[in-house]
Amino acid sequence: MTPARPRAVLVARSPERGAGLATGLRDAGLEVVVAPVIERAPVADPAPLDDAVRGLAHGAYAWAVVTSVNAVDALAGAAARTGTDLAAAPVRWAAVGPATSRALDDAGVTTDLVPDGDATAAGLVATFPDPGSPDATPRVLLPLGDLARPTLQDGLAGRGWAPHVVTAYRTVHHELPADVAARARSGGFDLVVVSSGSVAREIAAQAGTGTPVVAIGAPSAAAARDAGLRVAAVAAQPTDDALADAVAASLGLPPHDLAADPTATAPPSTKEHP
């Protein structure tokens, strides 16, 4: 008899972002292919972001709210261009989840607020404080990707804040290798891991809708369903461990069989994406 092939998972991320999860899955005996379907690109005109970072340094904002590691990278780039020290800016910082908070820490910035459990724009709105005294500035800087939904902006405005949205980066299409796309379309993967709505839509377009997906969170799962994909599981947290557990649940394996690197976290870069 021909032995059954190992169960195979497509992790739709860049190699550097997908390495931690891929290692855990491979250690459990799964075949893993890591290939991105989107990538970050700089904005055409960085001047608005540079001006916003200068504003941070001069106390123009009460808060800066960051929803992705990509946004942290873009802020750091703007700080370098403008000679601004983000850590010294008189502003409080909020992060959508642990990976984004860790990226801020790496940039020398202390995170003042991280939602407990719900690492989404809606979770940030729910845990965000009300504005202070009428004399205090209610302005909040939101450095977002170009595909960000208005959930955070509208939610904070409804709480009495004055959000200032600046496009920090663009999300662009990245073509799957032809053999990977063909394999996915022919049923060669048991699962696809999607980490944003943008990724889900690209998977549906490039690889078809026949393979079930494991989503990093509820917004990504909703986008996947809207794109015609079947969602097999949703990670409880935006971390590699939680994604590994969701893969395990989908394949009928004990969660501990897929224990990923406990220090690794999935990027929430796209929690803001539709």
C-alpha atoms as a PDB file:
ATOM      1  CA  MET A   1       0.000   0.000   0.000  1.00  0.00           C
ATOM      2  CA  THR A   2       1.092   3.530  -0.693  1.00  0.00           C
ATOM      3  CA  PRO A   3       1.605   5.321   2.628  1.00  0.00           C
ATOM      4  CA  ALA A   4      -0.690   8.251   3.279  1.00  0.00           C
ATOM      5  CA  ARG A   5       0.901  11.615   2.721  1.00  0.00           C
ATOM      6  CA  PRO A   6       1.539  13.801   5.763  1.00  0.00           C
ATOM      7  CA  ARG A   7      -1.161  16.314   6.428  1.00  0.00           C
ATOM      8  CA  ALA A   8      -0.152  19.582   4.855  1.00  0.00           C
ATOM      9  CA  VAL A   9      -0.729  23.185   5.925  1.00  0.00           C
ATOM     10  CA  LEU A  10      -0.192  26.346   3.890  1.00  0.00           C
ATOM     11  CA  VAL A  11       0.850  29.271   6.086  1.00  0.00           C
ATOM     12  CA  ALA A  12       0.070  32.379   4.048  1.00  0.00           C
ATOM     13  CA  ARG A  13       2.760  34.631   5.521  1.00  0.00           C
ATOM     14  CA  SER A  14       6.194  35.881   4.705  1.00  0.00           C
ATOM     15  CA  PRO A  15       8.964  33.457   5.716  1.00  0.00           C
ATOM     16  CA  GLU A  16      10.150  35.653   8.591  1.00  0.00           C
ATOM     17  CA  ARG A  17       6.644  36.106  10.024  1.00  0.00           C
ATOM     18  CA  GLY A  18       5.685  32.471   9.494  1.00  0.00           C
ATOM     19  CA  ALA A  19       8.846  30.843  10.866  1.00  0.00           C
ATOM     20  CA  GLY A  20       7.725  30.318  14.450  1.00  0.00           C
ATOM     21  CA  LEU A  21       4.392  28.731  13.591  1.00  0.00           C
ATOM     22  CA  ALA A  22       5.910  26.652  10.805  1.00  0.00           C
ATOM     23  CA  THR A  23       8.523  25.199  13.160  1.00  0.00           C
ATOM     24  CA  GLY A  24       5.900  24.102  15.653  1.00  0.00           C
ATOM     25  CA  LEU A  25       3.741  22.520  12.972  1.00  0.00           C
ATOM     26  CA  ARG A  26       6.673  20.692  11.397  1.00  0.00           C
ATOM     27  CA  ASP A  27       7.794  19.399  14.780  1.00  0.00           C
ATOM     28  CA  ALA A  28       4.341  17.815  15.061  1.00  0.00           C
ATOM     29  CA  GLY A  29       4.882  15.925  11.821  1.00  0.00           C
ATOM     30  CA  LEU A  30       2.915  18.167   9.499  1.00  0.00           C
ATOM     31  CA  GLU A  31       4.148  19.291   6.117  1.00  0.00           C
ATOM     32  CA  VAL A  32       4.228  23.100   6.060  1.00  0.00           C
ATOM     33  CA  VAL A  33       4.564  25.464   3.130  1.00  0.00           C
ATOM     34  CA  VAL A  34       5.090  29.146   3.963  1.00  0.00           C
ATOM     35  CA  ALA A  35       4.242  31.624   1.215  1.00  0.00           C
ATOM     36  CA  PRO A  36       2.879  35.180   1.420  1.00  0.00           C
ATOM     37  CA  VAL A  37      -0.063  36.493  -0.587  1.00  0.00           C
ATOM     38  CA  ILE A  38       0.273  40.135   0.525  1.00  0.00           C
ATOM     39  CA  GLU A  39       3.159  42.388   1.431  1.00  0.00           C
ATOM     40  CA  ARG A  40       3.692  45.806   2.951  1.00  0.00           C
ATOM     41  CA  ALA A  41       4.629  48.736   0.756  1.00  0.00           C
ATOM     42  CA  PRO A  42       5.496  52.309   1.709  1.00  0.00           C
ATOM     43  CA  VAL A  43       3.031  55.120   1.145  1.00  0.00           C
ATOM     44  CA  ALA A  44       3.576  57.248  -1.943  1.00  0.00           C
ATOM     45  CA  ASP A  45       3.831  60.426   0.121  1.00  0.00           C
ATOM     46  CA  PRO A  46       5.356  60.055   3.603  1.00  0.00           C
ATOM     47  CA  ALA A  47       4.872  63.734   4.493  1.00  0.00           C
ATOM     48  CA  PRO A  48       1.569  63.310   6.418  1.00  0.00           C
ATOM     49  CA  LEU A  49       3.061  60.542   8.569  1.00  0.00           C
ATOM     50  CA  ASP A  50       6.236  62.563   9.135  1.00  0.00           C
ATOM     51  CA  ASP A  51       4.140  65.563  10.193  1.00  0.00           C
ATOM     52  CA  ALA A  52       2.135  63.384  12.583  1.00  0.00           C
ATOM     53  CA  VAL A  53       5.320  62.067  14.196  1.00  0.00           C
ATOM     54  CA  ARG A  54       6.556  65.629  14.649  1.00  0.00           C
ATOM     55  CA  GLY A  55       3.189  66.335  16.271  1.00  0.00           C
ATOM     56  CA  LEU A  56       3.755  63.480  18.707  1.00  0.00           C
ATOM     57  CA  ALA A  57       7.007  65.092  19.799  1.00  0.00           C
ATOM     58  CA  HIS A  58       5.264  68.431  20.380  1.00  0.00           C
ATOM     59  CA  GLY A  59       2.346  67.115  22.417  1.00  0.00           C
ATOM     60  CA  ALA A  60      -0.297  67.368  19.709  1.00  0.00           C
ATOM     61  CA  TYR A  61      -1.886  64.061  20.700  1.00  0.00           C
ATOM     62  CA  ALA A  62      -3.051  62.534  23.966  1.00  0.00           C
ATOM     63  CA  TRP A  63      -2.725  58.984  22.615  1.00  0.00           C
ATOM     64  CA  ALA A  64      -1.150  57.105  19.731  1.00  0.00           C
ATOM     65  CA  VAL A  65      -3.005  53.889  18.916  1.00  0.00           C
ATOM     66  CA  VAL A  66      -1.113  51.224  16.979  1.00  0.00           C
ATOM     67  CA  THR A  67      -2.859  48.228  15.434  1.00  0.00           C
ATOM     68  CA  SER A  68      -0.023  46.362  13.711  1.00  0.00           C
ATOM     69  CA  VAL A  69       3.678  45.668  13.733  1.00  0.00           C
ATOM     70  CA  ASN A  70       3.749  47.205  10.255  1.00  0.00           C
ATOM     71  CA  ALA A  71       2.532  50.498  11.718  1.00  0.00           C
ATOM     72  CA  VAL A  72       5.280  50.400  14.353  1.00  0.00           C
ATOM     73  CA  ASP A  73       7.852  49.932  11.604  1.00  0.00           C
ATOM     74  CA  ALA A  74       6.377  52.840   9.663  1.00  0.00           C
ATOM     75  CA  LEU A  75       6.420  55.089  12.740  1.00  0.00           C
ATOM     76  CA  ALA A  76      10.036  54.161  13.424  1.00  0.00           C
ATOM     77  CA  GLY A  77      10.912  55.031   9.838  1.00  0.00           C
ATOM     78  CA  ALA A  78       9.184  58.404  10.126  1.00  0.00           C
ATOM     79  CA  ALA A  79      10.956  59.063  13.419  1.00  0.00           C
ATOM     80  CA  ALA A  80      14.304  58.369  11.764  1.00  0.00           C
ATOM     81  CA  ARG A  81      13.491  60.688   8.861  1.00  0.00           C
ATOM     82  CA  THR A  82      12.410  63.536  11.148  1.00  0.00           C
ATOM     83  CA  GLY A  83      14.958  63.101  13.924  1.00  0.00           C
ATOM     84  CA  THR A  84      12.182  62.355  16.434  1.00  0.00           C
ATOM     85  CA  ASP A  85      12.554  60.224  19.554  1.00  0.00           C
ATOM     86  CA  LEU A  86       9.303  58.278  19.878  1.00  0.00           C
ATOM     87  CA  ALA A  87      10.155  57.212  23.414  1.00  0.00           C
ATOM     88  CA  ALA A  88      10.451  60.835  24.522  1.00  0.00           C
ATOM     89  CA  ALA A  89       7.165  61.973  22.989  1.00  0.00           C
ATOM     90  CA  PRO A  90       4.653  63.223  25.602  1.00  0.00           C
ATOM     91  CA  VAL A  91       1.922  60.808  24.547  1.00  0.00           C
ATOM     92  CA  ARG A  92       0.362  57.586  25.809  1.00  0.00           C
ATOM     93  CA  TRP A  93       0.535  54.496  23.628  1.00  0.00           C
ATOM     94  CA  ALA A  94      -2.088  51.812  23.007  1.00  0.00           C
ATOM     95  CA  ALA A  95      -1.429  48.548  21.137  1.00  0.00           C
ATOM     96  CA  VAL A  96      -3.959  46.146  19.674  1.00  0.00           C
ATOM     97  CA  GLY A  97      -2.247  43.040  21.049  1.00  0.00           C
ATOM     98  CA  PRO A  98       0.900  41.499  22.514  1.00  0.00           C
ATOM     99  CA  ALA A  99       2.935  41.346  19.301  1.00  0.00           C
ATOM    100  CA  THR A 100       2.305  45.016  18.550  1.00  0.00           C
ATOM    101  CA  SER A 101       3.129  45.923  22.147  1.00  0.00           C
ATOM    102  CA  ARG A 102       6.368  43.971  21.886  1.00  0.00           C
ATOM    103  CA  ALA A 103       7.246  45.823  18.671  1.00  0.00           C
ATOM    104  CA  LEU A 104       6.693  49.135  20.483  1.00  0.00           C
ATOM    105  CA  ASP A 105       8.923  47.917  23.301  1.00  0.00           C
ATOM    106  CA  ASP A 106      11.615  47.071  20.737  1.00  0.00           C
ATOM    107  CA  ALA A 107      11.312  50.651  19.469  1.00  0.00           C
ATOM    108  CA  GLY A 108      11.888  51.929  22.997  1.00  0.00           C
ATOM    109  CA  VAL A 109       8.246  52.867  23.592  1.00  0.00           C
ATOM    110  CA  THR A 110       6.303  51.821  26.685  1.00  0.00           C
ATOM    111  CA  THR A 111       2.783  50.571  25.962  1.00  0.00           C
ATOM    112  CA  ASP A 112       0.158  52.029  28.284  1.00  0.00           C
ATOM    113  CA  LEU A 113      -2.868  50.034  27.104  1.00  0.00           C
ATOM    114  CA  VAL A 114      -3.410  46.600  25.555  1.00  0.00           C
ATOM    115  CA  PRO A 115      -6.895  45.035  25.374  1.00  0.00           C
ATOM    116  CA  ASP A 116      -7.339  41.994  27.565  1.00  0.00           C
ATOM    117  CA  GLY A 117      -8.307  39.123  25.297  1.00  0.00           C
ATOM    118  CA  ASP A 118      -9.972  40.876  22.327  1.00  0.00           C
ATOM    119  CA  ALA A 119      -7.026  41.910  20.157  1.00  0.00           C
ATOM    120  CA  THR A 120      -9.098  43.785  17.588  1.00  0.00           C
ATOM    121  CA  ALA A 121     -10.048  47.363  16.802  1.00  0.00           C
ATOM    122  CA  ALA A 122     -13.344  46.762  18.576  1.00  0.00           C
ATOM    123  CA  GLY A 123     -11.472  45.463  21.612  1.00  0.00           C
ATOM    124  CA  LEU A 124      -9.371  48.608  21.688  1.00  0.00           C
ATOM    125  CA  VAL A 125     -12.455  50.818  21.537  1.00  0.00           C
ATOM    126  CA  ALA A 126     -14.111  48.860  24.348  1.00  0.00           C
ATOM    127  CA  THR A 127     -11.126  49.204  26.686  1.00  0.00           C
ATOM    128  CA  PHE A 128     -10.103  52.745  25.767  1.00  0.00           C
ATOM    129  CA  PRO A 129     -10.538  55.371  28.493  1.00  0.00           C
ATOM    130  CA  ASP A 130     -12.869  58.331  28.147  1.00  0.00           C
ATOM    131  CA  PRO A 131     -11.334  61.746  27.428  1.00  0.00           C
ATOM    132  CA  GLY A 132     -10.132  63.666  30.445  1.00  0.00           C
ATOM    133  CA  SER A 133     -10.993  67.220  31.365  1.00  0.00           C
ATOM    134  CA  PRO A 134     -12.390  69.550  28.699  1.00  0.00           C
ATOM    135  CA  ASP A 135      -9.105  71.459  28.786  1.00  0.00           C
ATOM    136  CA  ALA A 136      -7.079  68.387  27.766  1.00  0.00           C
ATOM    137  CA  THR A 137      -6.470  67.602  24.080  1.00  0.00           C
ATOM    138  CA  PRO A 138      -8.746  64.803  22.882  1.00  0.00           C
ATOM    139  CA  ARG A 139      -6.685  64.117  19.757  1.00  0.00           C
ATOM    140  CA  VAL A 140      -5.647  60.531  19.065  1.00  0.00           C
ATOM    141  CA  LEU A 141      -3.190  59.531  16.343  1.00  0.00           C
ATOM    142  CA  LEU A 142      -4.189  56.446  14.345  1.00  0.00           C
ATOM    143  CA  PRO A 143      -1.364  55.349  11.992  1.00  0.00           C
ATOM    144  CA  LEU A 144      -3.177  52.722   9.937  1.00  0.00           C
ATOM    145  CA  GLY A 145      -2.793  50.664   6.802  1.00  0.00           C
ATOM    146  CA  ASP A 146      -4.561  51.808   3.659  1.00  0.00           C
ATOM    147  CA  LEU A 147      -7.120  48.992   3.947  1.00  0.00           C
ATOM    148  CA  ALA A 148      -8.090  49.713   7.543  1.00  0.00           C
ATOM    149  CA  ARG A 149     -11.790  49.642   8.299  1.00  0.00           C
ATOM    150  CA  PRO A 150     -13.314  52.602  10.168  1.00  0.00           C
ATOM    151  CA  THR A 151     -14.080  50.574  13.309  1.00  0.00           C
ATOM    152  CA  LEU A 152     -11.394  52.206  15.442  1.00  0.00           C
ATOM    153  CA  GLN A 153     -11.844  55.716  14.080  1.00  0.00           C
ATOM    154  CA  ASP A 154     -15.633  55.667  14.437  1.00  0.00           C
ATOM    155  CA  GLY A 155     -15.540  53.948  17.824  1.00  0.00           C
ATOM    156  CA  LEU A 156     -13.139  56.440  19.375  1.00  0.00           C
ATOM    157  CA  ALA A 157     -15.030  59.370  17.882  1.00  0.00           C
ATOM    158  CA  GLY A 158     -18.161  57.984  19.479  1.00  0.00           C
ATOM    159  CA  ARG A 159     -16.371  57.969  22.824  1.00  0.00           C
ATOM    160  CA  GLY A 160     -15.590  61.689  22.544  1.00  0.00           C
ATOM    161  CA  TRP A 161     -12.073  61.507  21.106  1.00  0.00           C
ATOM    162  CA  ALA A 162     -10.841  63.299  17.972  1.00  0.00           C
ATOM    163  CA  PRO A 163      -9.086  60.642  15.865  1.00  0.00           C
ATOM    164  CA  HIS A 164      -6.481  61.722  13.325  1.00  0.00           C
ATOM    165  CA  VAL A 165      -6.027  58.940  10.772  1.00  0.00           C
ATOM    166  CA  VAL A 166      -2.753  58.833   8.848  1.00  0.00           C
ATOM    167  CA  THR A 167      -1.947  56.150   6.288  1.00  0.00           C
ATOM    168  CA  ALA A 168       1.272  54.565   7.500  1.00  0.00           C
ATOM    169  CA  TYR A 169       1.709  51.836   4.885  1.00  0.00           C
ATOM    170  CA  ARG A 170       0.008  50.103   1.973  1.00  0.00           C
ATOM    171  CA  THR A 171      -0.960  46.451   1.601  1.00  0.00           C
ATOM    172  CA  VAL A 172      -0.283  45.080  -1.874  1.00  0.00           C
ATOM    173  CA  HIS A 173      -0.796  41.808  -3.709  1.00  0.00           C
ATOM    174  CA  HIS A 174       1.974  39.185  -3.672  1.00  0.00           C
ATOM    175  CA  GLU A 175       1.688  36.314  -6.117  1.00  0.00           C
ATOM    176  CA  LEU A 176       1.842  32.765  -4.782  1.00  0.00           C
ATOM    177  CA  PRO A 177       4.400  30.538  -6.501  1.00  0.00           C
ATOM    178  CA  ALA A 178       2.637  28.785  -9.373  1.00  0.00           C
ATOM    179  CA  ASP A 179       3.210  25.313  -7.942  1.00  0.00           C
ATOM    180  CA  VAL A 180       1.820  26.311  -4.536  1.00  0.00           C
ATOM    181  CA  ALA A 181      -1.284  27.882  -6.085  1.00  0.00           C
ATOM    182  CA  ALA A 182      -1.831  24.827  -8.299  1.00  0.00           C
ATOM    183  CA  ARG A 183      -1.418  22.482  -5.348  1.00  0.00           C
ATOM    184  CA  ALA A 184      -3.932  24.453  -3.297  1.00  0.00           C
ATOM    185  CA  ARG A 185      -6.464  24.479  -6.110  1.00  0.00           C
ATOM    186  CA  SER A 186      -6.141  20.715  -6.523  1.00  0.00           C
ATOM    187  CA  GLY A 187      -6.727  19.924  -2.848  1.00  0.00           C
ATOM    188  CA  GLY A 188      -3.091  19.426  -1.911  1.00  0.00           C
ATOM    189  CA  PHE A 189      -3.390  21.181   1.455  1.00  0.00           C
ATOM    190  CA  ASP A 190      -5.535  20.190   4.403  1.00  0.00           C
ATOM    191  CA  LEU A 191      -5.641  23.712   5.848  1.00  0.00           C
ATOM    192  CA  VAL A 192      -4.579  27.271   5.084  1.00  0.00           C
ATOM    193  CA  VAL A 193      -3.658  29.667   7.910  1.00  0.00           C
ATOM    194  CA  VAL A 194      -4.887  33.218   7.251  1.00  0.00           C
ATOM    195  CA  SER A 195      -3.815  36.151   9.397  1.00  0.00           C
ATOM    196  CA  SER A 196      -6.011  38.935   8.020  1.00  0.00           C
ATOM    197  CA  GLY A 197      -9.001  39.687   5.881  1.00  0.00           C
ATOM    198  CA  SER A 198      -6.658  40.779   3.102  1.00  0.00           C
ATOM    199  CA  VAL A 199      -4.911  37.424   3.234  1.00  0.00           C
ATOM    200  CA  ALA A 200      -8.224  35.577   3.191  1.00  0.00           C
ATOM    201  CA  ARG A 201      -9.393  37.399   0.074  1.00  0.00           C
ATOM    202  CA  GLU A 202      -6.082  36.791  -1.684  1.00  0.00           C
ATOM    203  CA  ILE A 203      -6.201  33.084  -0.826  1.00  0.00           C
ATOM    204  CA  ALA A 204      -9.688  32.825  -2.312  1.00  0.00           C
ATOM    205  CA  ALA A 205      -8.545  34.646  -5.449  1.00  0.00           C
ATOM    206  CA  GLN A 206      -5.196  32.915  -5.932  1.00  0.00           C
ATOM    207  CA  ALA A 207      -5.761  29.442  -4.498  1.00  0.00           C
ATOM    208  CA  GLY A 208      -9.498  28.932  -4.725  1.00  0.00           C
ATOM    209  CA  THR A 209     -12.032  28.276  -2.000  1.00  0.00           C
ATOM    210  CA  GLY A 210     -11.774  24.515  -1.710  1.00  0.00           C
ATOM    211  CA  THR A 211      -9.351  24.339   1.239  1.00  0.00           C
ATOM    212  CA  PRO A 212     -10.656  25.186   4.739  1.00  0.00           C
ATOM    213  CA  VAL A 213      -8.853  27.909   6.652  1.00  0.00           C
ATOM    214  CA  VAL A 214      -7.772  28.606  10.202  1.00  0.00           C
ATOM    215  CA  ALA A 215      -8.174  32.309  10.959  1.00  0.00           C
ATOM    216  CA  ILE A 216      -6.162  34.423  13.396  1.00  0.00           C
ATOM    217  CA  GLY A 217      -9.284  36.110  14.774  1.00  0.00           C
ATOM    218  CA  ALA A 218     -12.959  36.887  14.286  1.00  0.00           C
ATOM    219  CA  PRO A 219     -12.500  39.742  11.753  1.00  0.00           C
ATOM    220  CA  SER A 220     -10.276  37.540   9.587  1.00  0.00           C
ATOM    221  CA  ALA A 221     -12.773  34.695   9.868  1.00  0.00           C
ATOM    222  CA  ALA A 222     -15.643  36.958   8.786  1.00  0.00           C
ATOM    223  CA  ALA A 223     -13.661  38.163   5.780  1.00  0.00           C
ATOM    224  CA  ALA A 224     -12.798  34.576   4.879  1.00  0.00           C
ATOM    225  CA  ARG A 225     -16.457  33.562   4.930  1.00  0.00           C
ATOM    226  CA  ASP A 226     -17.379  36.593   2.838  1.00  0.00           C
ATOM    227  CA  ALA A 227     -14.767  35.461   0.294  1.00  0.00           C
ATOM    228  CA  GLY A 228     -16.385  32.021   0.074  1.00  0.00           C
ATOM    229  CA  LEU A 229     -13.883  30.146   2.256  1.00  0.00           C
ATOM    230  CA  ARG A 230     -14.884  27.617   4.878  1.00  0.00           C
ATOM    231  CA  VAL A 231     -13.498  28.498   8.311  1.00  0.00           C
ATOM    232  CA  ALA A 232     -12.404  25.359  10.151  1.00  0.00           C
ATOM    233  CA  ALA A 233     -11.279  27.146  13.335  1.00  0.00           C
ATOM    234  CA  VAL A 234     -10.484  30.566  14.776  1.00  0.00           C
ATOM    235  CA  ALA A 235      -7.485  31.141  17.047  1.00  0.00           C
ATOM    236  CA  ALA A 236      -8.395  32.187  20.580  1.00  0.00           C
ATOM    237  CA  GLN A 237      -5.543  34.731  20.610  1.00  0.00           C
ATOM    238  CA  PRO A 238      -3.398  36.313  17.870  1.00  0.00           C
ATOM    239  CA  THR A 239      -0.365  34.200  18.775  1.00  0.00           C
ATOM    240  CA  ASP A 240       1.489  31.317  17.197  1.00  0.00           C
ATOM    241  CA  ASP A 241       0.523  29.034  20.093  1.00  0.00           C
ATOM    242  CA  ALA A 242      -3.159  29.834  19.640  1.00  0.00           C
ATOM    243  CA  LEU A 243      -2.947  29.358  15.878  1.00  0.00           C
ATOM    244  CA  ALA A 244      -1.208  26.026  16.428  1.00  0.00           C
ATOM    245  CA  ASP A 245      -3.973  24.954  18.819  1.00  0.00           C
ATOM    246  CA  ALA A 246      -6.582  25.948  16.237  1.00  0.00           C
ATOM    247  CA  VAL A 247      -4.798  23.887  13.590  1.00  0.00           C
ATOM    248  CA  ALA A 248      -4.688  20.979  16.042  1.00  0.00           C
ATOM    249  CA  ALA A 249      -8.406  21.245  16.736  1.00  0.00           C
ATOM    250  CA  SER A 250      -9.147  21.284  13.017  1.00  0.00           C
ATOM    251  CA  LEU A 251      -7.058  18.161  12.401  1.00  0.00           C
ATOM    252  CA  GLY A 252      -8.267  16.289  15.485  1.00  0.00           C
ATOM    253  CA  LEU A 253      -4.885  16.406  17.234  1.00  0.00           C
ATOM    254  CA  PRO A 254      -4.206  17.185  20.902  1.00  0.00           C
ATOM    255  CA  PRO A 255      -3.230  20.845  21.304  1.00  0.00           C
ATOM    256  CA  HIS A 256       0.095  20.037  22.969  1.00  0.00           C
ATOM    257  CA  ASP A 257       1.196  18.124  19.876  1.00  0.00           C
ATOM    258  CA  LEU A 258       1.448  21.426  18.055  1.00  0.00           C
ATOM    259  CA  ALA A 259       3.058  23.564  20.751  1.00  0.00           C
ATOM    260  CA  ALA A 260       4.845  26.366  18.941  1.00  0.00           C
ATOM    261  CA  ASP A 261       7.625  28.544  20.271  1.00  0.00           C
ATOM    262  CA  PRO A 262       6.041  30.179  23.330  1.00  0.00           C
ATOM    263  CA  THR A 263       7.897  33.419  22.686  1.00  0.00           C
ATOM    264  CA  ALA A 264       6.581  33.766  19.152  1.00  0.00           C
ATOM    265  CA  THR A 265       3.439  35.683  18.330  1.00  0.00           C
ATOM    266  CA  ALA A 266       1.460  36.132  15.189  1.00  0.00           C
ATOM    267  CA  PRO A 267       1.555  39.582  13.727  1.00  0.00           C
ATOM    268  CA  PRO A 268      -1.827  41.421  14.276  1.00  0.00           C
ATOM    269  CA  SER A 269      -0.780  43.629  11.305  1.00  0.00           C
ATOM    270  CA  THR A 270      -3.960  42.945   9.744  1.00  0.00           C
ATOM    271  CA  LYS A 271      -6.367  43.067  12.555  1.00  0.00           C
ATOM    272  CA  GLU A 272      -7.380  46.361  11.143  1.00  0.00           C
ATOM    273  CA  HIS A 273      -7.913  45.065   7.622  1.00  0.00           C
ATOM    274  CA  PRO A 274     -11.411  44.328   6.347  1.00  0.00           C
END
